[in-house]
Amino acid sequence: MKISAKKCFIISKIINLNVKILLNQSIFESSLVTFWYGSCLNFKTTNKNSIMRDLTNKYESAKENSIEFMEKGQISAYFNALLEMNKYKRLMIAIVAN
């Protein structure tokens, strides 16, 4: 079976077009994955920062309460405030480790 030069040219154009389409699709898909991954990382760091800020505020509040209880001589409340401080400190360490 003989194929004319014109048919070969048309077939090569179709193959080139299909290759270009496949390349464009793969570039789009990789860009989409990169965007999604970057967005997830951005959300994770933003969420981590807000959690750390919240825990730091709670830790500082518990610290102020513990000092106040110590000055007033309320030993039981002072120890509870120290335990609360320890809880927030451990949570902050766990978040930093992840």
C-alpha atoms as a PDB file:
ATOM      1  CA  MET A   1       0.000   0.000   0.000  1.00  0.00           C
ATOM      2  CA  LYS A   2       1.454   3.295  -1.108  1.00  0.00           C
ATOM      3  CA  ILE A   3       0.715   6.547   0.717  1.00  0.00           C
ATOM      4  CA  SER A   4       1.030   9.763  -1.172  1.00  0.00           C
ATOM      5  CA  ALA A   5       3.181  12.616   0.054  1.00  0.00           C
ATOM      6  CA  LYS A   6       0.098  14.738   0.669  1.00  0.00           C
ATOM      7  CA  LYS A   7      -1.452  12.077   2.918  1.00  0.00           C
ATOM      8  CA  CYS A   8       1.841  11.709   4.811  1.00  0.00           C
ATOM      9  CA  PHE A   9       1.938  15.462   5.336  1.00  0.00           C
ATOM     10  CA  ILE A  10      -1.662  15.505   6.620  1.00  0.00           C
ATOM     11  CA  ILE A  11      -0.999  12.540   8.933  1.00  0.00           C
ATOM     12  CA  SER A  12       2.134  14.207  10.344  1.00  0.00           C
ATOM     13  CA  LYS A  13       0.146  17.424  10.977  1.00  0.00           C
ATOM     14  CA  ILE A  14      -2.527  15.446  12.839  1.00  0.00           C
ATOM     15  CA  ILE A  15       0.110  13.649  14.925  1.00  0.00           C
ATOM     16  CA  ASN A  16       1.849  16.941  15.731  1.00  0.00           C
ATOM     17  CA  LEU A  17      -1.481  18.488  16.723  1.00  0.00           C
ATOM     18  CA  ASN A  18      -2.277  15.527  18.996  1.00  0.00           C
ATOM     19  CA  VAL A  19       1.160  15.741  20.605  1.00  0.00           C
ATOM     20  CA  LYS A  20       0.707  19.491  21.214  1.00  0.00           C
ATOM     21  CA  ILE A  21      -2.708  18.896  22.771  1.00  0.00           C
ATOM     22  CA  LEU A  22      -1.318  16.185  25.049  1.00  0.00           C
ATOM     23  CA  LEU A  23       1.579  18.419  26.090  1.00  0.00           C
ATOM     24  CA  ASN A  24      -0.746  21.322  26.839  1.00  0.00           C
ATOM     25  CA  GLN A  25      -2.993  19.063  28.914  1.00  0.00           C
ATOM     26  CA  SER A  26      -0.063  17.682  30.917  1.00  0.00           C
ATOM     27  CA  ILE A  27       1.325  21.188  31.541  1.00  0.00           C
ATOM     28  CA  PHE A  28      -2.128  22.332  32.701  1.00  0.00           C
ATOM     29  CA  GLU A  29      -2.489  19.320  34.985  1.00  0.00           C
ATOM     30  CA  SER A  30       0.946  19.854  36.543  1.00  0.00           C
ATOM     31  CA  SER A  31       0.167  23.556  37.004  1.00  0.00           C
ATOM     32  CA  LEU A  32      -3.116  22.655  38.644  1.00  0.00           C
ATOM     33  CA  VAL A  33      -1.405  20.201  41.005  1.00  0.00           C
ATOM     34  CA  THR A  34       1.283  22.778  41.835  1.00  0.00           C
ATOM     35  CA  PHE A  35      -1.361  25.433  42.535  1.00  0.00           C
ATOM     36  CA  TRP A  36      -3.381  23.049  44.714  1.00  0.00           C
ATOM     37  CA  TYR A  37      -0.302  21.904  46.650  1.00  0.00           C
ATOM     38  CA  GLY A  38       0.861  25.496  47.147  1.00  0.00           C
ATOM     39  CA  SER A  39      -2.610  26.542  48.304  1.00  0.00           C
ATOM     40  CA  CYS A  40      -2.728  23.681  50.786  1.00  0.00           C
ATOM     41  CA  LEU A  41       0.688  24.610  52.154  1.00  0.00           C
ATOM     42  CA  ASN A  42      -0.344  28.246  52.423  1.00  0.00           C
ATOM     43  CA  PHE A  43      -3.544  27.286  54.267  1.00  0.00           C
ATOM     44  CA  LYS A  44      -1.629  24.962  56.570  1.00  0.00           C
ATOM     45  CA  THR A  45       0.934  27.611  57.558  1.00  0.00           C
ATOM     46  CA  THR A  46      -1.758  30.281  57.975  1.00  0.00           C
ATOM     47  CA  ASN A  47      -3.857  27.936  60.090  1.00  0.00           C
ATOM     48  CA  LYS A  48      -0.781  26.925  62.112  1.00  0.00           C
ATOM     49  CA  ASN A  49       0.071  30.574  62.781  1.00  0.00           C
ATOM     50  CA  SER A  50      -3.443  31.386  63.986  1.00  0.00           C
ATOM     51  CA  ILE A  51      -3.461  28.343  66.286  1.00  0.00           C
ATOM     52  CA  MET A  52      -0.057  29.306  67.693  1.00  0.00           C
ATOM     53  CA  ARG A  53      -1.227  32.881  68.263  1.00  0.00           C
ATOM     54  CA  ASP A  54      -4.325  31.622  70.083  1.00  0.00           C
ATOM     55  CA  LEU A  55      -2.317  29.206  72.243  1.00  0.00           C
ATOM     56  CA  THR A  56       0.245  31.899  73.064  1.00  0.00           C
ATOM     57  CA  ASN A  57      -2.533  34.248  74.208  1.00  0.00           C
ATOM     58  CA  LYS A  58      -4.059  31.515  76.375  1.00  0.00           C
ATOM     59  CA  TYR A  59      -0.633  30.670  77.822  1.00  0.00           C
ATOM     60  CA  GLU A  60       0.031  34.325  78.701  1.00  0.00           C
ATOM     61  CA  SER A  61      -3.420  34.631  80.280  1.00  0.00           C
ATOM     62  CA  ALA A  62      -2.814  31.522  82.399  1.00  0.00           C
ATOM     63  CA  LYS A  63       0.594  32.923  83.389  1.00  0.00           C
ATOM     64  CA  GLU A  64      -0.950  36.216  84.532  1.00  0.00           C
ATOM     65  CA  ASN A  65      -3.593  34.290  86.486  1.00  0.00           C
ATOM     66  CA  SER A  66      -0.949  32.138  88.165  1.00  0.00           C
ATOM     67  CA  ILE A  67       1.011  35.215  89.282  1.00  0.00           C
ATOM     68  CA  GLU A  68      -2.175  36.800  90.599  1.00  0.00           C
ATOM     69  CA  PHE A  69      -3.142  33.640  92.513  1.00  0.00           C
ATOM     70  CA  MET A  70       0.386  33.346  93.936  1.00  0.00           C
ATOM     71  CA  GLU A  71       0.299  36.941  95.216  1.00  0.00           C
ATOM     72  CA  LYS A  72      -3.105  36.369  96.832  1.00  0.00           C
ATOM     73  CA  GLY A  73      -1.945  33.124  98.449  1.00  0.00           C
ATOM     74  CA  GLN A  74      -4.492  30.935  96.661  1.00  0.00           C
ATOM     75  CA  ILE A  75      -2.300  27.846  96.398  1.00  0.00           C
ATOM     76  CA  SER A  76      -4.867  25.493  94.823  1.00  0.00           C
ATOM     77  CA  ALA A  77      -5.806  27.993  92.101  1.00  0.00           C
ATOM     78  CA  TYR A  78      -2.108  28.768  91.579  1.00  0.00           C
ATOM     79  CA  PHE A  79      -1.303  25.093  90.930  1.00  0.00           C
ATOM     80  CA  ASN A  80      -4.296  24.772  88.574  1.00  0.00           C
ATOM     81  CA  ALA A  81      -3.063  27.797  86.628  1.00  0.00           C
ATOM     82  CA  LEU A  82       0.417  26.231  86.431  1.00  0.00           C
ATOM     83  CA  LEU A  83      -1.112  23.015  85.072  1.00  0.00           C
ATOM     84  CA  GLU A  84      -3.035  25.049  82.497  1.00  0.00           C
ATOM     85  CA  MET A  85       0.189  26.814  81.473  1.00  0.00           C
ATOM     86  CA  ASN A  86       1.905  23.446  81.093  1.00  0.00           C
ATOM     87  CA  LYS A  87      -0.958  22.184  78.896  1.00  0.00           C
ATOM     88  CA  TYR A  88      -0.689  25.147  76.522  1.00  0.00           C
ATOM     89  CA  LYS A  89       3.094  24.892  76.445  1.00  0.00           C
ATOM     90  CA  ARG A  90       2.916  21.212  75.425  1.00  0.00           C
ATOM     91  CA  LEU A  91       0.358  21.998  72.728  1.00  0.00           C
ATOM     92  CA  MET A  92       2.621  24.728  71.312  1.00  0.00           C
ATOM     93  CA  ILE A  93       5.587  22.337  71.267  1.00  0.00           C
ATOM     94  CA  ALA A  94       3.486  19.698  69.475  1.00  0.00           C
ATOM     95  CA  ILE A  95       2.390  22.186  66.815  1.00  0.00           C
ATOM     96  CA  VAL A  96       5.952  23.405  66.222  1.00  0.00           C
ATOM     97  CA  ALA A  97       7.160  19.788  65.925  1.00  0.00           C
ATOM     98  CA  ASN A  98       4.611  19.067  63.171  1.00  0.00           C
END
